[in-house]
Each structure stands twice: as C-alpha cells, then as structure tokens.
Amino acid sequence: MIADPNTLYKLMILYILNASEFPLTNSQVCEFLLENGYTTYFTTQAAISDLIEAQFISVRQRNNSSYYQLTPSGLETLEAFSSSISDGIKADVKVFLENKHYTLRQNNEITATYLPKKNQEFEVDLSLKDGKETLINIQINAPTELQAELMCDHWQKKSTEIYNYLLNSLLAKNKGPEN
C-alpha cells in the first residue's frame, strides 16, 4: 500500500489515461479527480506536472487544450504499482469513462486548428476521425483570424453534416444532359 497520497494521485492519473481509449484533456483528468472528491485542482496540476517531467505521460497541445497520453515508461510504472489502486477507485474510473465516452470520443475525433501563414492569412486544418481512421481532412486558407476561428467553431458543431454532404455530393450520379 502507498502511504504518500501524492503518489496515489499520480497512479490514479496513469490509470485513467491507460483505461481511456482516447487521450484526455487536462480538464477531463481534473474533472475525474475533483468530482469524486479525491484531491484539489492544484494537487492534480502538480501531479500532472511531475508525471510529464518524469516522462510517464506525454502532452500534446490542440485547440488551446493539453491532451495527455501514457508513455511506455508510464505504463511500466502503472503495471508495477497498479495493486496500490483500490478496486473502488478503479470502479470510479470505469464509471467516469463510461459516462463521458461520447464527449471524450467527440473531443478526439473532431479536430479544428488554425495557424498563421506568412502572408497575414491563416491555414485552417479540419479533421474528422472514426476511431483511429481519418474520414476526412480539409485544409483551407482563411483571410482573417476571425474567419479561421469561425471555421473551427462551425466544424466542431457541423463536421458530420458537412462530411455527409461532401460524401453524398461526390458519390451522386450526375443527372445532367452529359450522361
């Protein structure tokens, strides 16, 4: 049994990242620990920082969010100490991931980012995935940052609708006189 609560929090973070099918955001990891009353926001941030520094988790920035994934050394550590995590905590992780599955999946399968280009325009990158399979990836130039932000926002809300429209349009038989 682990006597140090901070070590337990770190193991809990490794456990939830391992149990999730998708990378989790900082806010999702915090949500789990805070909703279940395990620890505070600041303790969670310190644990995450320690895990990144120890290279037990990796972080990737996307859409102003930090996404965390377990590294091989993090998995090795988790396997060595997983017996220190109670069955109650493991059950809480399972319930949390089941309840949040749709949101977690949507956050990882619909992505929209933009970057400034040299000519004062912005390159918008829109992607829709099904699991690990990319269904569509679109890159569009936007003349202003506001337009780039709008494209990203609308993609988050309408990506499935847009994808279906494109697919139907591209696969539709031409009904014009050229047939």
C-alpha atoms as a PDB file:
ATOM      1  CA  MET A   1       0.000   0.000   0.000  1.00  0.00           C
ATOM      2  CA  ILE A   2       1.218   3.509  -0.822  1.00  0.00           C
ATOM      3  CA  ALA A   3       1.471   5.841   2.170  1.00  0.00           C
ATOM      4  CA  ASP A   4       2.017   9.054   0.172  1.00  0.00           C
ATOM      5  CA  PRO A   5      -1.289  10.453  -1.194  1.00  0.00           C
ATOM      6  CA  ASN A   6       0.547  12.366  -3.960  1.00  0.00           C
ATOM      7  CA  THR A   7       1.961   9.105  -5.295  1.00  0.00           C
ATOM      8  CA  LEU A   8      -1.541   7.630  -5.289  1.00  0.00           C
ATOM      9  CA  TYR A   9      -2.881  10.627  -7.271  1.00  0.00           C
ATOM     10  CA  LYS A  10      -0.155  10.108  -9.850  1.00  0.00           C
ATOM     11  CA  LEU A  11      -1.014   6.424 -10.121  1.00  0.00           C
ATOM     12  CA  MET A  12      -4.696   7.327 -10.497  1.00  0.00           C
ATOM     13  CA  ILE A  13      -3.836   9.664 -13.380  1.00  0.00           C
ATOM     14  CA  LEU A  14      -1.755   6.943 -15.033  1.00  0.00           C
ATOM     15  CA  TYR A  15      -4.626   4.504 -14.505  1.00  0.00           C
ATOM     16  CA  ILE A  16      -7.309   6.698 -16.070  1.00  0.00           C
ATOM     17  CA  LEU A  17      -5.076   7.518 -19.042  1.00  0.00           C
ATOM     18  CA  ASN A  18      -4.434   3.811 -19.562  1.00  0.00           C
ATOM     19  CA  ALA A  19      -8.131   2.924 -19.230  1.00  0.00           C
ATOM     20  CA  SER A  20      -9.277   5.580 -21.707  1.00  0.00           C
ATOM     21  CA  GLU A  21      -9.474   4.807 -25.417  1.00  0.00           C
ATOM     22  CA  PHE A  22      -8.535   8.413 -26.158  1.00  0.00           C
ATOM     23  CA  PRO A  23      -6.047  10.988 -24.903  1.00  0.00           C
ATOM     24  CA  LEU A  24      -7.641  13.023 -22.117  1.00  0.00           C
ATOM     25  CA  THR A  25      -7.525  16.771 -21.656  1.00  0.00           C
ATOM     26  CA  ASN A  26      -6.252  18.459 -18.550  1.00  0.00           C
ATOM     27  CA  SER A  27      -9.814  19.425 -17.641  1.00  0.00           C
ATOM     28  CA  GLN A  28     -11.075  15.835 -18.063  1.00  0.00           C
ATOM     29  CA  VAL A  29      -8.391  14.443 -15.745  1.00  0.00           C
ATOM     30  CA  CYS A  30      -9.172  17.186 -13.228  1.00  0.00           C
ATOM     31  CA  GLU A  31     -12.893  16.570 -13.570  1.00  0.00           C
ATOM     32  CA  PHE A  32     -12.477  12.933 -12.585  1.00  0.00           C
ATOM     33  CA  LEU A  33     -10.330  13.660  -9.537  1.00  0.00           C
ATOM     34  CA  LEU A  34     -12.396  16.641  -8.376  1.00  0.00           C
ATOM     35  CA  GLU A  35     -15.885  15.193  -8.984  1.00  0.00           C
ATOM     36  CA  ASN A  36     -15.008  12.134  -6.956  1.00  0.00           C
ATOM     37  CA  GLY A  37     -13.513  14.248  -4.173  1.00  0.00           C
ATOM     38  CA  TYR A  38     -10.076  12.670  -4.387  1.00  0.00           C
ATOM     39  CA  THR A  39      -7.978  15.849  -4.330  1.00  0.00           C
ATOM     40  CA  THR A  40      -7.793  19.530  -5.248  1.00  0.00           C
ATOM     41  CA  TYR A  41      -7.150  21.230  -8.557  1.00  0.00           C
ATOM     42  CA  PHE A  42      -3.685  22.413  -7.512  1.00  0.00           C
ATOM     43  CA  THR A  43      -2.625  18.984  -6.284  1.00  0.00           C
ATOM     44  CA  THR A  44      -3.816  17.496  -9.576  1.00  0.00           C
ATOM     45  CA  GLN A  45      -1.813  20.044 -11.579  1.00  0.00           C
ATOM     46  CA  ALA A  46       1.310  19.311  -9.509  1.00  0.00           C
ATOM     47  CA  ALA A  47       0.863  15.554 -10.066  1.00  0.00           C
ATOM     48  CA  ILE A  48       0.409  16.048 -13.824  1.00  0.00           C
ATOM     49  CA  SER A  49       3.488  18.263 -13.960  1.00  0.00           C
ATOM     50  CA  ASP A  50       5.546  15.639 -12.098  1.00  0.00           C
ATOM     51  CA  LEU A  51       4.333  12.895 -14.446  1.00  0.00           C
ATOM     52  CA  ILE A  52       5.287  14.944 -17.518  1.00  0.00           C
ATOM     53  CA  GLU A  53       8.693  15.754 -16.053  1.00  0.00           C
ATOM     54  CA  ALA A  54       9.292  12.061 -15.271  1.00  0.00           C
ATOM     55  CA  GLN A  55       8.158  11.270 -18.853  1.00  0.00           C
ATOM     56  CA  PHE A  56       5.394   8.961 -17.634  1.00  0.00           C
ATOM     57  CA  ILE A  57       2.840  10.914 -19.671  1.00  0.00           C
ATOM     58  CA  SER A  58       3.198  12.929 -22.847  1.00  0.00           C
ATOM     59  CA  VAL A  59       1.345  16.129 -23.603  1.00  0.00           C
ATOM     60  CA  ARG A  60       0.118  17.456 -26.942  1.00  0.00           C
ATOM     61  CA  GLN A  61      -1.455  20.879 -27.446  1.00  0.00           C
ATOM     62  CA  ARG A  62      -4.549  21.141 -29.648  1.00  0.00           C
ATOM     63  CA  ASN A  63      -7.251  23.805 -29.741  1.00  0.00           C
ATOM     64  CA  ASN A  64      -5.881  25.520 -26.633  1.00  0.00           C
ATOM     65  CA  SER A  65      -6.167  22.250 -24.698  1.00  0.00           C
ATOM     66  CA  SER A  66      -3.490  19.927 -23.361  1.00  0.00           C
ATOM     67  CA  TYR A  67      -4.083  16.269 -24.217  1.00  0.00           C
ATOM     68  CA  TYR A  68      -2.327  13.615 -22.138  1.00  0.00           C
ATOM     69  CA  GLN A  69      -1.312  10.086 -23.069  1.00  0.00           C
ATOM     70  CA  LEU A  70       0.509   7.392 -21.175  1.00  0.00           C
ATOM     71  CA  THR A  71       4.099   6.748 -22.292  1.00  0.00           C
ATOM     72  CA  PRO A  72       5.704   3.278 -22.288  1.00  0.00           C
ATOM     73  CA  SER A  73       7.581   4.122 -19.074  1.00  0.00           C
ATOM     74  CA  GLY A  74       4.309   5.350 -17.549  1.00  0.00           C
ATOM     75  CA  LEU A  75       2.648   2.052 -18.440  1.00  0.00           C
ATOM     76  CA  GLU A  76       5.580   0.148 -16.943  1.00  0.00           C
ATOM     77  CA  THR A  77       5.249   2.123 -13.708  1.00  0.00           C
ATOM     78  CA  LEU A  78       1.490   1.626 -13.623  1.00  0.00           C
ATOM     79  CA  GLU A  79       1.864  -2.131 -14.095  1.00  0.00           C
ATOM     80  CA  ALA A  80       4.406  -2.302 -11.267  1.00  0.00           C
ATOM     81  CA  PHE A  81       2.192  -0.403  -8.807  1.00  0.00           C
ATOM     82  CA  SER A  82      -1.384  -0.973 -10.023  1.00  0.00           C
ATOM     83  CA  SER A  83      -2.145  -3.154  -6.994  1.00  0.00           C
ATOM     84  CA  SER A  84      -1.856   0.051  -4.917  1.00  0.00           C
ATOM     85  CA  ILE A  85      -5.011   1.403  -6.584  1.00  0.00           C
ATOM     86  CA  SER A  86      -8.142   0.216  -4.785  1.00  0.00           C
ATOM     87  CA  ASP A  87     -10.974  -1.569  -6.565  1.00  0.00           C
ATOM     88  CA  GLY A  88     -13.230   1.367  -5.595  1.00  0.00           C
ATOM     89  CA  ILE A  89     -11.010   3.836  -7.467  1.00  0.00           C
ATOM     90  CA  LYS A  90     -10.850   1.501 -10.467  1.00  0.00           C
ATOM     91  CA  ALA A  91     -14.657   1.280 -10.438  1.00  0.00           C
ATOM     92  CA  ASP A  92     -14.917   5.089 -10.273  1.00  0.00           C
ATOM     93  CA  VAL A  93     -12.628   5.350 -13.316  1.00  0.00           C
ATOM     94  CA  LYS A  94     -14.768   2.842 -15.209  1.00  0.00           C
ATOM     95  CA  VAL A  95     -17.998   4.712 -14.418  1.00  0.00           C
ATOM     96  CA  PHE A  96     -16.453   8.081 -15.331  1.00  0.00           C
ATOM     97  CA  LEU A  97     -15.178   6.815 -18.695  1.00  0.00           C
ATOM     98  CA  GLU A  98     -18.486   5.105 -19.496  1.00  0.00           C
ATOM     99  CA  ASN A  99     -20.485   8.249 -18.640  1.00  0.00           C
ATOM    100  CA  LYS A 100     -18.164  10.527 -20.617  1.00  0.00           C
ATOM    101  CA  HIS A 101     -17.465   8.188 -23.551  1.00  0.00           C
ATOM    102  CA  TYR A 102     -19.367  10.206 -26.169  1.00  0.00           C
ATOM    103  CA  THR A 103     -17.783  13.510 -25.113  1.00  0.00           C
ATOM    104  CA  LEU A 104     -14.301  12.003 -24.952  1.00  0.00           C
ATOM    105  CA  ARG A 105     -14.717  10.426 -28.352  1.00  0.00           C
ATOM    106  CA  GLN A 106     -16.038  13.640 -29.901  1.00  0.00           C
ATOM    107  CA  ASN A 107     -13.151  15.674 -28.443  1.00  0.00           C
ATOM    108  CA  ASN A 108     -10.658  13.307 -30.044  1.00  0.00           C
ATOM    109  CA  GLU A 109     -12.366  12.644 -33.362  1.00  0.00           C
ATOM    110  CA  ILE A 110     -13.358  16.156 -34.408  1.00  0.00           C
ATOM    111  CA  THR A 111     -10.394  18.496 -34.577  1.00  0.00           C
ATOM    112  CA  ALA A 112     -10.125  22.030 -35.880  1.00  0.00           C
ATOM    113  CA  THR A 113      -6.995  24.151 -35.638  1.00  0.00           C
ATOM    114  CA  TYR A 114      -5.533  27.128 -37.426  1.00  0.00           C
ATOM    115  CA  LEU A 115      -2.087  28.626 -37.786  1.00  0.00           C
ATOM    116  CA  PRO A 116      -0.933  31.980 -39.139  1.00  0.00           C
ATOM    117  CA  LYS A 117       0.794  31.998 -42.521  1.00  0.00           C
ATOM    118  CA  LYS A 118       3.459  34.427 -43.737  1.00  0.00           C
ATOM    119  CA  ASN A 119       1.047  36.447 -45.884  1.00  0.00           C
ATOM    120  CA  GLN A 120      -1.254  37.502 -42.990  1.00  0.00           C
ATOM    121  CA  GLU A 121      -3.684  34.682 -43.802  1.00  0.00           C
ATOM    122  CA  PHE A 122      -4.448  31.639 -41.676  1.00  0.00           C
ATOM    123  CA  GLU A 123      -4.330  27.968 -42.568  1.00  0.00           C
ATOM    124  CA  VAL A 124      -7.280  26.079 -41.108  1.00  0.00           C
ATOM    125  CA  ASP A 125      -6.934  22.324 -40.627  1.00  0.00           C
ATOM    126  CA  LEU A 126     -10.195  20.409 -40.121  1.00  0.00           C
ATOM    127  CA  SER A 127     -10.311  16.690 -39.422  1.00  0.00           C
ATOM    128  CA  LEU A 128     -12.934  14.047 -38.678  1.00  0.00           C
ATOM    129  CA  LYS A 129     -11.943  10.586 -37.486  1.00  0.00           C
ATOM    130  CA  ASP A 130     -13.696   7.350 -36.696  1.00  0.00           C
ATOM    131  CA  GLY A 131     -11.528   5.789 -34.032  1.00  0.00           C
ATOM    132  CA  LYS A 132      -8.008   5.974 -35.409  1.00  0.00           C
ATOM    133  CA  GLU A 133      -9.205   6.103 -39.044  1.00  0.00           C
ATOM    134  CA  THR A 134      -9.284   9.555 -40.655  1.00  0.00           C
ATOM    135  CA  LEU A 135     -12.539  10.039 -42.566  1.00  0.00           C
ATOM    136  CA  ILE A 136     -11.710  13.493 -43.897  1.00  0.00           C
ATOM    137  CA  ASN A 137      -9.005  16.104 -43.506  1.00  0.00           C
ATOM    138  CA  ILE A 138      -9.516  19.538 -45.051  1.00  0.00           C
ATOM    139  CA  GLN A 139      -7.048  22.414 -45.220  1.00  0.00           C
ATOM    140  CA  ILE A 140      -8.496  25.811 -46.081  1.00  0.00           C
ATOM    141  CA  ASN A 141      -6.987  29.289 -46.140  1.00  0.00           C
ATOM    142  CA  ALA A 142      -8.823  31.976 -44.217  1.00  0.00           C
ATOM    143  CA  PRO A 143      -8.145  35.660 -44.915  1.00  0.00           C
ATOM    144  CA  THR A 144      -8.613  36.725 -41.273  1.00  0.00           C
ATOM    145  CA  GLU A 145      -8.174  35.179 -37.850  1.00  0.00           C
ATOM    146  CA  LEU A 146     -11.860  35.752 -37.105  1.00  0.00           C
ATOM    147  CA  GLN A 147     -12.832  33.692 -40.166  1.00  0.00           C
ATOM    148  CA  ALA A 148     -10.378  30.954 -39.130  1.00  0.00           C
ATOM    149  CA  GLU A 149     -11.960  30.863 -35.662  1.00  0.00           C
ATOM    150  CA  LEU A 150     -15.463  30.699 -37.167  1.00  0.00           C
ATOM    151  CA  MET A 151     -14.459  27.820 -39.448  1.00  0.00           C
ATOM    152  CA  CYS A 152     -13.056  25.901 -36.480  1.00  0.00           C
ATOM    153  CA  ASP A 153     -16.130  26.597 -34.366  1.00  0.00           C
ATOM    154  CA  HIS A 154     -18.556  25.561 -37.117  1.00  0.00           C
ATOM    155  CA  TRP A 155     -16.523  22.417 -37.868  1.00  0.00           C
ATOM    156  CA  GLN A 156     -16.847  21.351 -34.223  1.00  0.00           C
ATOM    157  CA  LYS A 157     -20.625  21.681 -34.486  1.00  0.00           C
ATOM    158  CA  LYS A 158     -21.306  20.567 -38.077  1.00  0.00           C
ATOM    159  CA  SER A 159     -18.467  18.228 -39.124  1.00  0.00           C
ATOM    160  CA  THR A 160     -20.660  15.153 -39.510  1.00  0.00           C
ATOM    161  CA  GLU A 161     -23.236  17.095 -41.533  1.00  0.00           C
ATOM    162  CA  ILE A 162     -20.511  18.576 -43.772  1.00  0.00           C
ATOM    163  CA  TYR A 163     -18.835  15.196 -44.222  1.00  0.00           C
ATOM    164  CA  ASN A 164     -22.126  13.553 -45.213  1.00  0.00           C
ATOM    165  CA  TYR A 165     -22.894  16.375 -47.650  1.00  0.00           C
ATOM    166  CA  LEU A 166     -19.482  16.058 -49.319  1.00  0.00           C
ATOM    167  CA  LEU A 167     -19.718  12.282 -49.493  1.00  0.00           C
ATOM    168  CA  ASN A 168     -23.221  12.365 -50.976  1.00  0.00           C
ATOM    169  CA  SER A 169     -22.239  15.081 -53.466  1.00  0.00           C
ATOM    170  CA  LEU A 170     -19.143  13.231 -54.598  1.00  0.00           C
ATOM    171  CA  LEU A 171     -20.930   9.892 -54.943  1.00  0.00           C
ATOM    172  CA  ALA A 172     -24.156  11.169 -56.530  1.00  0.00           C
ATOM    173  CA  LYS A 173     -24.802  10.175 -60.102  1.00  0.00           C
ATOM    174  CA  ASN A 174     -24.768  13.111 -62.465  1.00  0.00           C
ATOM    175  CA  LYS A 175     -28.337  13.761 -63.621  1.00  0.00           C
ATOM    176  CA  GLY A 176     -27.433  16.392 -66.184  1.00  0.00           C
ATOM    177  CA  PRO A 177     -27.600  16.093 -70.013  1.00  0.00           C
ATOM    178  CA  GLU A 178     -23.930  14.991 -70.150  1.00  0.00           C
ATOM    179  CA  ASN A 179     -24.793  11.399 -69.123  1.00  0.00           C
END
